[in-house]
C-alpha atoms as a PDB file:
ATOM      1  CA  MET A   1      21.608  -5.169  18.121  1.00  0.00           C
ATOM      2  CA  HIS A   2      18.829  -5.196  20.698  1.00  0.00           C
ATOM      3  CA  LYS A   3      17.577  -8.753  21.224  1.00  0.00           C
ATOM      4  CA  ASP A   4      16.801  -9.169  24.910  1.00  0.00           C
ATOM      5  CA  GLY A   5      14.147  -6.505  25.481  1.00  0.00           C
ATOM      6  CA  ALA A   6      16.511  -4.010  27.135  1.00  0.00           C
ATOM      7  CA  GLY A   7      16.859  -0.543  25.671  1.00  0.00           C
ATOM      8  CA  ALA A   8      15.294   1.074  22.649  1.00  0.00           C
ATOM      9  CA  LEU A   9      14.827  -0.860  19.442  1.00  0.00           C
ATOM     10  CA  LYS A  10      17.080   0.257  16.603  1.00  0.00           C
ATOM     11  CA  ALA A  11      15.197   1.386  13.510  1.00  0.00           C
ATOM     12  CA  ALA A  12      16.138   2.343   9.964  1.00  0.00           C
ATOM     13  CA  VAL A  13      14.373   3.542   6.837  1.00  0.00           C
ATOM     14  CA  ILE A  14      15.252   2.233   3.385  1.00  0.00           C
ATOM     15  CA  GLY A  15      14.326   4.708   0.688  1.00  0.00           C
ATOM     16  CA  ALA A  16      14.169   8.069   2.446  1.00  0.00           C
ATOM     17  CA  GLY A  17      12.685  10.191  -0.326  1.00  0.00           C
ATOM     18  CA  ALA A  18       9.248  11.807  -0.363  1.00  0.00           C
ATOM     19  CA  PHE A  19       7.390   9.233   1.745  1.00  0.00           C
ATOM     20  CA  GLY A  20      10.332   7.642   3.496  1.00  0.00           C
ATOM     21  CA  ARG A  21      11.066  10.982   5.176  1.00  0.00           C
ATOM     22  CA  TYR A  22       7.708  10.746   6.929  1.00  0.00           C
ATOM     23  CA  HIS A  23       8.582   7.286   8.232  1.00  0.00           C
ATOM     24  CA  ALA A  24      11.926   8.597   9.466  1.00  0.00           C
ATOM     25  CA  ALA A  25      10.215  11.486  11.266  1.00  0.00           C
ATOM     26  CA  LYS A  26       7.856   9.099  13.092  1.00  0.00           C
ATOM     27  CA  TYR A  27      10.726   6.902  14.272  1.00  0.00           C
ATOM     28  CA  ALA A  28      12.758   9.941  15.311  1.00  0.00           C
ATOM     29  CA  ALA A  29       9.845  11.176  17.439  1.00  0.00           C
ATOM     30  CA  SER A  30       9.209   7.804  19.086  1.00  0.00           C
ATOM     31  CA  THR A  31      10.379   7.092  22.624  1.00  0.00           C
ATOM     32  CA  GLU A  32      10.328   3.330  21.940  1.00  0.00           C
ATOM     33  CA  VAL A  33      12.841   3.198  19.105  1.00  0.00           C
ATOM     34  CA  GLU A  34      16.088   4.855  18.097  1.00  0.00           C
ATOM     35  CA  LEU A  35      16.364   5.892  14.455  1.00  0.00           C
ATOM     36  CA  VAL A  36      19.952   4.899  13.740  1.00  0.00           C
ATOM     37  CA  ALA A  37      20.169   5.326   9.963  1.00  0.00           C
ATOM     38  CA  VAL A  38      18.506   5.877   6.631  1.00  0.00           C
ATOM     39  CA  ALA A  39      19.600   4.419   3.296  1.00  0.00           C
ATOM     40  CA  ASP A  40      18.989   6.123  -0.018  1.00  0.00           C
ATOM     41  CA  ILE A  41      20.742   6.205  -3.388  1.00  0.00           C
ATOM     42  CA  SER A  42      20.297   9.986  -3.660  1.00  0.00           C
ATOM     43  CA  ALA A  43      23.240  12.038  -2.411  1.00  0.00           C
ATOM     44  CA  ASP A  44      20.922  14.998  -1.814  1.00  0.00           C
ATOM     45  CA  VAL A  45      18.645  12.910   0.375  1.00  0.00           C
ATOM     46  CA  ARG A  46      21.585  11.564   2.349  1.00  0.00           C
ATOM     47  CA  ARG A  47      23.004  15.071   2.772  1.00  0.00           C
ATOM     48  CA  HIS A  48      19.674  16.289   4.165  1.00  0.00           C
ATOM     49  CA  PHE A  49      19.628  13.655   6.882  1.00  0.00           C
ATOM     50  CA  GLN A  50      23.291  14.007   7.739  1.00  0.00           C
ATOM     51  CA  VAL A  51      23.461  17.804   7.793  1.00  0.00           C
ATOM     52  CA  VAL A  52      19.953  18.880   8.783  1.00  0.00           C
ATOM     53  CA  GLN A  53      18.966  16.031  11.103  1.00  0.00           C
ATOM     54  CA  GLY A  54      22.301  14.599  12.164  1.00  0.00           C
ATOM     55  CA  ILE A  55      21.284  11.057  11.246  1.00  0.00           C
ATOM     56  CA  ARG A  56      23.588   8.522   9.666  1.00  0.00           C
ATOM     57  CA  ALA A  57      22.754   8.223   5.963  1.00  0.00           C
ATOM     58  CA  ILE A  58      24.238   5.604   3.655  1.00  0.00           C
ATOM     59  CA  ALA A  59      23.879   4.705  -0.009  1.00  0.00           C
ATOM     60  CA  ASP A  60      23.704   0.906   0.289  1.00  0.00           C
ATOM     61  CA  TRP A  61      20.986  -0.580   2.510  1.00  0.00           C
ATOM     62  CA  ARG A  62      22.976  -3.821   2.737  1.00  0.00           C
ATOM     63  CA  ASP A  63      25.348  -2.094   5.163  1.00  0.00           C
ATOM     64  CA  LEU A  64      22.515  -2.091   7.726  1.00  0.00           C
ATOM     65  CA  LEU A  65      21.852  -5.816   7.685  1.00  0.00           C
ATOM     66  CA  GLY A  66      22.341  -7.201  11.179  1.00  0.00           C
ATOM     67  CA  GLU A  67      22.506  -3.710  12.720  1.00  0.00           C
ATOM     68  CA  VAL A  68      18.796  -2.906  13.206  1.00  0.00           C
ATOM     69  CA  ASP A  69      15.794  -4.454  14.925  1.00  0.00           C
ATOM     70  CA  LEU A  70      13.120  -3.059  12.638  1.00  0.00           C
ATOM     71  CA  VAL A  71      12.992  -1.302   9.309  1.00  0.00           C
ATOM     72  CA  SER A  72      10.603   0.568   7.024  1.00  0.00           C
ATOM     73  CA  VAL A  73      11.095  -0.264   3.349  1.00  0.00           C
ATOM     74  CA  CYS A  74       9.990   2.747   1.287  1.00  0.00           C
ATOM     75  CA  SER A  75      12.029   2.097  -1.832  1.00  0.00           C
ATOM     76  CA  PRO A  76      10.542   1.623  -5.341  1.00  0.00           C
ATOM     77  CA  ALA A  77       8.061  -1.251  -5.523  1.00  0.00           C
ATOM     78  CA  ALA A  78      10.226  -3.369  -7.803  1.00  0.00           C
ATOM     79  CA  THR A  79      12.897  -3.550  -5.067  1.00  0.00           C
ATOM     80  CA  HIS A  80      10.585  -4.535  -2.193  1.00  0.00           C
ATOM     81  CA  ALA A  81      10.964  -8.304  -2.310  1.00  0.00           C
ATOM     82  CA  GLU A  82      14.773  -8.298  -2.344  1.00  0.00           C
ATOM     83  CA  ILE A  83      15.078  -5.820   0.523  1.00  0.00           C
ATOM     84  CA  VAL A  84      12.351  -7.343   2.682  1.00  0.00           C
ATOM     85  CA  ARG A  85      13.833 -10.812   2.215  1.00  0.00           C
ATOM     86  CA  ALA A  86      17.289  -9.633   3.241  1.00  0.00           C
ATOM     87  CA  PHE A  87      16.149  -7.892   6.427  1.00  0.00           C
ATOM     88  CA  LEU A  88      13.910 -10.769   7.507  1.00  0.00           C
ATOM     89  CA  ASN A  89      16.866 -13.088   7.053  1.00  0.00           C
ATOM     90  CA  ALA A  90      18.883 -10.672   9.197  1.00  0.00           C
ATOM     91  CA  ASP A  91      16.303 -11.030  12.024  1.00  0.00           C
ATOM     92  CA  ALA A  92      14.708  -7.603  11.565  1.00  0.00           C
ATOM     93  CA  HIS A  93      10.986  -6.847  11.698  1.00  0.00           C
ATOM     94  CA  VAL A  94       9.766  -5.213   8.481  1.00  0.00           C
ATOM     95  CA  LEU A  95       7.114  -2.668   7.531  1.00  0.00           C
ATOM     96  CA  VAL A  96       7.082  -2.461   3.740  1.00  0.00           C
ATOM     97  CA  GLU A  97       5.154   0.169   1.855  1.00  0.00           C
ATOM     98  CA  LYS A  98       2.589  -1.161  -0.590  1.00  0.00           C
ATOM     99  CA  PRO A  99       2.701  -3.348  -2.550  1.00  0.00           C
ATOM    100  CA  ILE A 100       4.159  -6.197  -0.529  1.00  0.00           C
ATOM    101  CA  ALA A 101       5.871  -7.387  -3.729  1.00  0.00           C
ATOM    102  CA  THR A 102       5.265  -7.257  -7.462  1.00  0.00           C
ATOM    103  CA  ASP A 103       4.352 -10.908  -8.018  1.00  0.00           C
ATOM    104  CA  LEU A 104       2.595 -13.577  -5.993  1.00  0.00           C
ATOM    105  CA  ASP A 105       5.520 -15.979  -5.766  1.00  0.00           C
ATOM    106  CA  GLU A 106       7.598 -13.270  -4.104  1.00  0.00           C
ATOM    107  CA  ALA A 107       4.748 -12.393  -1.742  1.00  0.00           C
ATOM    108  CA  ASP A 108       4.285 -16.044  -0.754  1.00  0.00           C
ATOM    109  CA  GLU A 109       8.015 -16.425  -0.172  1.00  0.00           C
ATOM    110  CA  LEU A 110       8.140 -13.364   2.101  1.00  0.00           C
ATOM    111  CA  ILE A 111       5.092 -14.452   4.104  1.00  0.00           C
ATOM    112  CA  ALA A 112       6.557 -17.924   4.634  1.00  0.00           C
ATOM    113  CA  LEU A 113       9.960 -16.467   5.534  1.00  0.00           C
ATOM    114  CA  ALA A 114       8.523 -14.084   8.137  1.00  0.00           C
ATOM    115  CA  ASP A 115       6.669 -16.974   9.739  1.00  0.00           C
ATOM    116  CA  ARG A 116       9.764 -19.166   9.693  1.00  0.00           C
ATOM    117  CA  VAL A 117      12.098 -16.604  11.293  1.00  0.00           C
ATOM    118  CA  GLY A 118       9.440 -15.343  13.721  1.00  0.00           C
ATOM    119  CA  ARG A 119       9.572 -11.705  12.647  1.00  0.00           C
ATOM    120  CA  VAL A 120       6.783  -9.214  11.990  1.00  0.00           C
ATOM    121  CA  LEU A 121       5.985  -8.460   8.361  1.00  0.00           C
ATOM    122  CA  THR A 122       3.343  -5.816   7.777  1.00  0.00           C
ATOM    123  CA  VAL A 123       2.420  -3.586   4.843  1.00  0.00           C
ATOM    124  CA  GLY A 124       1.794   0.152   4.681  1.00  0.00           C
ATOM    125  CA  HIS A 125      -1.884   0.299   3.823  1.00  0.00           C
ATOM    126  CA  GLN A 126      -2.297   3.294   6.130  1.00  0.00           C
ATOM    127  CA  GLU A 127      -5.773   4.195   4.900  1.00  0.00           C
ATOM    128  CA  ARG A 128      -7.002   1.087   6.665  1.00  0.00           C
ATOM    129  CA  PHE A 129      -6.600   3.025   9.923  1.00  0.00           C
ATOM    130  CA  VAL A 130      -8.685   5.905   8.558  1.00  0.00           C
ATOM    131  CA  PHE A 131     -11.338   3.599   7.176  1.00  0.00           C
ATOM    132  CA  ALA A 132     -11.563   1.369  10.243  1.00  0.00           C
ATOM    133  CA  HIS A 133     -12.190   4.396  12.479  1.00  0.00           C
ATOM    134  CA  THR A 134     -15.490   5.142  10.719  1.00  0.00           C
ATOM    135  CA  GLY A 135     -16.913   1.760  11.713  1.00  0.00           C
ATOM    136  CA  LEU A 136     -17.729   0.878   8.106  1.00  0.00           C
ATOM    137  CA  LEU A 137     -15.580  -2.245   8.293  1.00  0.00           C
ATOM    138  CA  ASP A 138     -17.749  -3.454  11.181  1.00  0.00           C
ATOM    139  CA  PHE A 139     -20.961  -3.527   9.097  1.00  0.00           C
ATOM    140  CA  ALA A 140     -22.354  -7.039   8.765  1.00  0.00           C
ATOM    141  CA  LYS A 141     -24.561  -5.953   5.895  1.00  0.00           C
ATOM    142  CA  ARG A 142     -23.225  -6.725   2.436  1.00  0.00           C
ATOM    143  CA  PRO A 143     -22.960  -3.892  -0.133  1.00  0.00           C
ATOM    144  CA  LYS A 144     -24.580  -4.214  -3.548  1.00  0.00           C
ATOM    145  CA  GLU A 145     -22.106  -1.949  -5.325  1.00  0.00           C
ATOM    146  CA  VAL A 146     -18.818  -0.230  -4.551  1.00  0.00           C
ATOM    147  CA  ASP A 147     -17.188   2.563  -6.547  1.00  0.00           C
ATOM    148  CA  CYS A 148     -13.645   3.772  -5.867  1.00  0.00           C
ATOM    149  CA  TRP A 149     -11.733   6.558  -7.550  1.00  0.00           C
ATOM    150  CA  ARG A 150      -8.170   7.707  -6.918  1.00  0.00           C
ATOM    151  CA  LEU A 151      -7.006  10.308  -9.413  1.00  0.00           C
ATOM    152  CA  GLY A 152      -4.159  12.789  -9.489  1.00  0.00           C
ATOM    153  CA  PRO A 153      -1.723  14.593 -11.781  1.00  0.00           C
ATOM    154  CA  TRP A 154       1.609  13.185 -12.892  1.00  0.00           C
ATOM    155  CA  SER A 155       4.384  13.416 -10.293  1.00  0.00           C
ATOM    156  CA  GLY A 156       6.871  10.874 -11.627  1.00  0.00           C
ATOM    157  CA  ARG A 157       6.792   8.869  -8.386  1.00  0.00           C
ATOM    158  CA  GLY A 158       5.879   5.194  -8.474  1.00  0.00           C
ATOM    159  CA  ALA A 159       6.408   4.931 -12.226  1.00  0.00           C
ATOM    160  CA  ASP A 160       8.391   1.692 -11.892  1.00  0.00           C
ATOM    161  CA  VAL A 161       5.011  -0.061 -11.639  1.00  0.00           C
ATOM    162  CA  SER A 162       1.570   0.541 -13.123  1.00  0.00           C
ATOM    163  CA  VAL A 163      -0.985   2.851 -11.548  1.00  0.00           C
ATOM    164  CA  VAL A 164      -2.727  -0.311 -10.305  1.00  0.00           C
ATOM    165  CA  LEU A 165       0.172  -1.228  -8.009  1.00  0.00           C
ATOM    166  CA  ASP A 166       0.979   2.422  -7.328  1.00  0.00           C
ATOM    167  CA  LEU A 167      -2.468   3.825  -6.409  1.00  0.00           C
ATOM    168  CA  MET A 168      -5.378   1.460  -7.015  1.00  0.00           C
ATOM    169  CA  ILE A 169      -3.980  -1.113  -4.602  1.00  0.00           C
ATOM    170  CA  HIS A 170      -4.980   1.175  -1.691  1.00  0.00           C
ATOM    171  CA  ASP A 171      -8.619   0.839  -2.729  1.00  0.00           C
ATOM    172  CA  LEU A 172      -8.276  -2.884  -3.390  1.00  0.00           C
ATOM    173  CA  ASP A 173      -7.169  -3.337   0.222  1.00  0.00           C
ATOM    174  CA  LEU A 174     -10.271  -1.484   1.438  1.00  0.00           C
ATOM    175  CA  VAL A 175     -12.560  -3.367  -0.962  1.00  0.00           C
ATOM    176  CA  HIS A 176     -11.266  -6.709   0.281  1.00  0.00           C
ATOM    177  CA  ARG A 177     -11.954  -5.690   3.855  1.00  0.00           C
ATOM    178  CA  LEU A 178     -15.576  -5.036   2.849  1.00  0.00           C
ATOM    179  CA  LEU A 179     -15.748  -8.140   0.639  1.00  0.00           C
ATOM    180  CA  PRO A 180     -13.432 -10.835   1.983  1.00  0.00           C
ATOM    181  CA  GLU A 181     -14.367 -13.538  -0.538  1.00  0.00           C
ATOM    182  CA  MET A 182     -12.664 -14.207  -3.848  1.00  0.00           C
ATOM    183  CA  VAL A 183     -13.247 -12.132  -6.949  1.00  0.00           C
ATOM    184  CA  GLY A 184     -15.409 -13.923  -9.506  1.00  0.00           C
ATOM    185  CA  GLY A 185     -14.599 -11.895 -12.627  1.00  0.00           C
ATOM    186  CA  VAL A 186     -12.343  -9.060 -13.770  1.00  0.00           C
ATOM    187  CA  SER A 187     -12.437  -6.706 -16.746  1.00  0.00           C
ATOM    188  CA  ALA A 188     -10.212  -3.650 -17.224  1.00  0.00           C
ATOM    189  CA  HIS A 189      -8.744  -1.207 -19.682  1.00  0.00           C
ATOM    190  CA  GLY A 190      -5.873   1.235 -19.319  1.00  0.00           C
ATOM    191  CA  ARG A 191      -3.747   3.890 -20.943  1.00  0.00           C
ATOM    192  CA  LYS A 192       0.024   4.413 -21.057  1.00  0.00           C
ATOM    193  CA  VAL A 193       1.407   7.936 -21.384  1.00  0.00           C
ATOM    194  CA  HIS A 194       4.789   8.203 -19.646  1.00  0.00           C
ATOM    195  CA  GLY A 195       6.307   4.786 -20.211  1.00  0.00           C
ATOM    196  CA  GLU A 196       5.720   1.052 -20.400  1.00  0.00           C
ATOM    197  CA  ASN A 197       3.440   0.937 -17.354  1.00  0.00           C
ATOM    198  CA  ALA A 198      -0.221   1.969 -17.414  1.00  0.00           C
ATOM    199  CA  ASP A 199      -0.806   5.451 -15.989  1.00  0.00           C
ATOM    200  CA  GLU A 200      -4.603   5.214 -16.009  1.00  0.00           C
ATOM    201  CA  VAL A 201      -6.747   2.115 -15.426  1.00  0.00           C
ATOM    202  CA  SER A 202     -10.457   1.454 -14.982  1.00  0.00           C
ATOM    203  CA  ALA A 203     -11.535  -1.938 -13.680  1.00  0.00           C
ATOM    204  CA  LEU A 204     -14.772  -3.782 -12.991  1.00  0.00           C
ATOM    205  CA  LEU A 205     -14.821  -6.613 -10.454  1.00  0.00           C
ATOM    206  CA  HIS A 206     -17.673  -9.061  -9.936  1.00  0.00           C
ATOM    207  CA  PHE A 207     -17.690 -10.838  -6.598  1.00  0.00           C
ATOM    208  CA  ARG A 208     -19.170 -14.284  -6.224  1.00  0.00           C
ATOM    209  CA  HIS A 209     -22.119 -13.171  -4.110  1.00  0.00           C
ATOM    210  CA  GLY A 210     -23.192 -10.543  -6.628  1.00  0.00           C
ATOM    211  CA  THR A 211     -21.463  -7.338  -5.556  1.00  0.00           C
ATOM    212  CA  ARG A 212     -20.104  -5.188  -8.395  1.00  0.00           C
ATOM    213  CA  VAL A 213     -16.999  -3.058  -7.761  1.00  0.00           C
ATOM    214  CA  ARG A 214     -15.756  -0.348 -10.111  1.00  0.00           C
ATOM    215  CA  LEU A 215     -12.297   1.162  -9.608  1.00  0.00           C
ATOM    216  CA  ASP A 216     -10.697   4.099 -11.404  1.00  0.00           C
ATOM    217  CA  ALA A 217      -7.080   5.111 -10.849  1.00  0.00           C
ATOM    218  CA  SER A 218      -5.058   7.730 -12.699  1.00  0.00           C
ATOM    219  CA  ARG A 219      -1.758   9.505 -12.159  1.00  0.00           C
ATOM    220  CA  ILE A 220      -2.281  11.699 -15.249  1.00  0.00           C
ATOM    221  CA  ALA A 221      -5.566  13.358 -14.232  1.00  0.00           C
ATOM    222  CA  PRO A 222      -5.881  17.161 -14.345  1.00  0.00           C
ATOM    223  CA  ALA A 223      -6.841  17.341 -10.650  1.00  0.00           C
ATOM    224  CA  ARG A 224      -6.863  15.232  -7.497  1.00  0.00           C
ATOM    225  CA  SER A 225      -9.983  13.304  -6.555  1.00  0.00           C
ATOM    226  CA  ARG A 226     -10.133  10.402  -4.103  1.00  0.00           C
ATOM    227  CA  GLY A 227     -13.238   8.749  -2.794  1.00  0.00           C
ATOM    228  CA  MET A 228     -15.414   5.697  -2.317  1.00  0.00           C
ATOM    229  CA  ARG A 229     -19.144   5.080  -2.647  1.00  0.00           C
ATOM    230  CA  VAL A 230     -20.667   1.988  -1.015  1.00  0.00           C
ATOM    231  CA  ILE A 231     -24.280   1.222  -1.992  1.00  0.00           C
ATOM    232  CA  TYR A 232     -26.488  -0.963   0.187  1.00  0.00           C
ATOM    233  CA  ASP A 233     -30.117  -1.959  -0.304  1.00  0.00           C
ATOM    234  CA  ASP A 234     -31.082   0.574   2.382  1.00  0.00           C
ATOM    235  CA  GLY A 235     -28.912   3.540   1.445  1.00  0.00           C
ATOM    236  CA  LEU A 236     -25.405   4.583   0.535  1.00  0.00           C
ATOM    237  CA  ILE A 237     -22.194   5.750   2.157  1.00  0.00           C
ATOM    238  CA  GLU A 238     -19.894   8.099   0.281  1.00  0.00           C
ATOM    239  CA  VAL A 239     -16.425   8.988   1.549  1.00  0.00           C
ATOM    240  CA  ASP A 240     -14.401  11.896   0.175  1.00  0.00           C
ATOM    241  CA  PHE A 241     -10.806  11.357   1.282  1.00  0.00           C
ATOM    242  CA  LEU A 242      -9.754  14.875   0.249  1.00  0.00           C
ATOM    243  CA  THR A 243     -12.491  16.963   1.888  1.00  0.00           C
ATOM    244  CA  ARG A 244     -12.735  14.387   4.721  1.00  0.00           C
ATOM    245  CA  LYS A 245     -16.509  14.279   4.459  1.00  0.00           C
ATOM    246  CA  VAL A 246     -18.748  11.260   4.900  1.00  0.00           C
ATOM    247  CA  ARG A 247     -22.289  11.107   3.521  1.00  0.00           C
ATOM    248  CA  ASN A 248     -24.436   8.378   5.030  1.00  0.00           C
ATOM    249  CA  THR A 249     -28.066   7.678   4.064  1.00  0.00           C
ATOM    250  CA  THR A 250     -28.193   4.225   5.700  1.00  0.00           C
ATOM    251  CA  PRO A 251     -29.783   3.759   9.150  1.00  0.00           C
ATOM    252  CA  ARG A 252     -26.415   2.671  10.605  1.00  0.00           C
ATOM    253  CA  PRO A 253     -24.283   5.318  12.341  1.00  0.00           C
ATOM    254  CA  LEU A 254     -20.742   6.126  11.229  1.00  0.00           C
ATOM    255  CA  LYS A 255     -17.957   8.152  12.776  1.00  0.00           C
ATOM    256  CA  ASP A 256     -16.183  10.920  10.899  1.00  0.00           C
ATOM    257  CA  LEU A 257     -12.975  10.213   9.027  1.00  0.00           C
ATOM    258  CA  ASP A 258      -9.950  10.453  11.297  1.00  0.00           C
ATOM    259  CA  PHE A 259      -6.934  11.710   9.391  1.00  0.00           C
ATOM    260  CA  ASP A 260      -5.137  12.816  12.544  1.00  0.00           C
ATOM    261  CA  ASP A 261      -2.026  10.704  11.890  1.00  0.00           C
ATOM    262  CA  PRO A 262      -2.635   7.385  10.101  1.00  0.00           C
ATOM    263  CA  LEU A 263       1.060   6.887   9.339  1.00  0.00           C
ATOM    264  CA  GLY A 264       1.952   7.563  12.968  1.00  0.00           C
ATOM    265  CA  ARG A 265      -0.612   5.012  14.130  1.00  0.00           C
ATOM    266  CA  SER A 266       0.611   2.523  11.536  1.00  0.00           C
ATOM    267  CA  ILE A 267       4.210   2.816  12.708  1.00  0.00           C
ATOM    268  CA  ALA A 268       3.202   2.779  16.392  1.00  0.00           C
ATOM    269  CA  CYS A 269       1.245  -0.423  15.745  1.00  0.00           C
ATOM    270  CA  PHE A 270       4.269  -1.896  13.958  1.00  0.00           C
ATOM    271  CA  ILE A 271       6.566  -0.993  16.861  1.00  0.00           C
ATOM    272  CA  ARG A 272       4.183  -2.617  19.366  1.00  0.00           C
ATOM    273  CA  ALA A 273       3.992  -5.737  17.224  1.00  0.00           C
ATOM    274  CA  ALA A 274       7.795  -5.912  17.093  1.00  0.00           C
ATOM    275  CA  SER A 275       8.446  -5.117  20.762  1.00  0.00           C
ATOM    276  CA  GLN A 276       5.410  -6.574  22.543  1.00  0.00           C
ATOM    277  CA  GLY A 277       4.087  -9.223  20.196  1.00  0.00           C
ATOM    278  CA  ASP A 278       0.849  -7.362  19.391  1.00  0.00           C
ATOM    279  CA  SER A 279      -0.870  -8.160  16.121  1.00  0.00           C
ATOM    280  CA  ALA A 280      -0.150  -5.747  13.263  1.00  0.00           C
ATOM    281  CA  LEU A 281      -3.278  -4.174  11.764  1.00  0.00           C
ATOM    282  CA  VAL A 282      -2.320  -5.157   8.209  1.00  0.00           C
ATOM    283  CA  GLN A 283      -1.388  -8.813   7.907  1.00  0.00           C
ATOM    284  CA  PRO A 284       0.848  -9.819   4.980  1.00  0.00           C
ATOM    285  CA  GLU A 285      -1.745 -12.334   3.781  1.00  0.00           C
ATOM    286  CA  GLU A 286      -4.199  -9.448   3.390  1.00  0.00           C
ATOM    287  CA  ALA A 287      -1.663  -7.459   1.383  1.00  0.00           C
ATOM    288  CA  ARG A 288      -1.160 -10.527  -0.797  1.00  0.00           C
ATOM    289  CA  GLN A 289      -4.900 -10.652  -1.502  1.00  0.00           C
ATOM    290  CA  ALA A 290      -4.857  -7.049  -2.705  1.00  0.00           C
ATOM    291  CA  LEU A 291      -1.789  -7.839  -4.832  1.00  0.00           C
ATOM    292  CA  GLU A 292      -3.480 -10.864  -6.393  1.00  0.00           C
ATOM    293  CA  THR A 293      -6.461  -8.781  -7.500  1.00  0.00           C
ATOM    294  CA  ALA A 294      -4.183  -5.970  -8.691  1.00  0.00           C
ATOM    295  CA  LEU A 295      -2.247  -8.388 -10.897  1.00  0.00           C
ATOM    296  CA  ALA A 296      -5.511  -9.809 -12.277  1.00  0.00           C
ATOM    297  CA  ILE A 297      -6.564  -6.256 -13.200  1.00  0.00           C
ATOM    298  CA  GLU A 298      -3.223  -5.617 -14.905  1.00  0.00           C
ATOM    299  CA  GLU A 299      -3.595  -8.837 -16.875  1.00  0.00           C
ATOM    300  CA  ALA A 300      -7.143  -7.945 -17.927  1.00  0.00           C
ATOM    301  CA  ALA A 301      -6.038  -4.462 -19.027  1.00  0.00           C
ATOM    302  CA  ASP A 302      -3.173  -5.956 -21.037  1.00  0.00           C
ATOM    303  CA  ARG A 303      -5.576  -8.372 -22.747  1.00  0.00           C
ATOM    304  CA  MET A 304      -7.888  -5.509 -23.671  1.00  0.00           C
ATOM    305  CA  ALA A 305      -4.953  -3.533 -25.072  1.00  0.00           C
ATOM    306  CA  GLU A 306      -3.966  -6.528 -27.231  1.00  0.00           C
ATOM    307  CA  ILE A 307      -7.538  -6.872 -28.516  1.00  0.00           C
ATOM    308  CA  ARG A 308      -7.703  -3.191 -29.402  1.00  0.00           C
ATOM    309  CA  GLU A 309      -4.322  -3.309 -31.127  1.00  0.00           C
ATOM    310  CA  ALA A 310      -5.313  -6.378 -33.137  1.00  0.00           C
ATOM    311  CA  HIS A 311      -8.573  -4.705 -34.144  1.00  0.00           C
ATOM    312  CA  ALA A 312      -6.746  -1.536 -35.207  1.00  0.00           C
ATOM    313  CA  LEU A 313      -4.320  -3.560 -37.320  1.00  0.00           C
ATOM    314  CA  HIS A 314      -7.218  -5.445 -38.899  1.00  0.00           C
ATOM    315  CA  VAL A 315      -9.018  -2.206 -39.766  1.00  0.00           C
ATOM    316  CA  ALA A 316      -5.822  -0.689 -41.175  1.00  0.00           C
ATOM    317  CA  ALA A 317      -5.224  -3.748 -43.382  1.00  0.00           C
ATOM    318  CA  ARG A 318      -8.672  -3.595 -44.956  1.00  0.00           C
END
């Protein structure tokens, strides 16, 4: 394995399905790394990489420990902590798709481990690249209200966790970049349709300096809709992530959304951090902050569900 700076870094992708394929394509196109393998439990996925792309494809990611310099972890969220931990312990740099983990103890362990072994740990909040390009994250002015919505039809992907950890966490990352302080209060309600995890959640956050944030996420909506509205005392900014339009009534200028290749920039930034010591755009502590708020929203939604169930039982018993 490359350790002394000579030659291309060896890369691998763990979980090479729908999104992992995009990671693999970026590594394959890079002149700075060599994509040496993918790991996936699906025989069809492995066959695609072996036959169509001529890339080594294996079923068990553990066979790659000690063989690669950096890795993208694109497996189901519930598996993130175990896989990230193993590759960090094997001296590999890790880019893990969101969420960093599914509980805070795991996230804290991974952050401490990455620091201890001196390896990069970053998280795939790619929309940060899109958002940062507009200049909105550079505003010193504090918003009064923020509304985020991320809705889409059922696809079956990401169902091992709730829609909060699957979709809403993207918006939580952006919200925390606008509002870096702690959340003061959380209320939420949700709906389960396809299993034990909530498929639709609405949440209201109150930040300690007065800003109100409303978030809506659904993976059972009839149509796709993704956007953000940020209200200031001198105007508003509304971003439509699907039409790529930005409406700005504030006196401060903004650039257009840049969707050219956020994943490519994310992976290029990760490679530079691993090979040259540059700072990754998304720090693991920031991903932990988004996870902490996501878990608080899940807890609030569960409490509301219990209250509603108790009320329904009370009414039925009357």
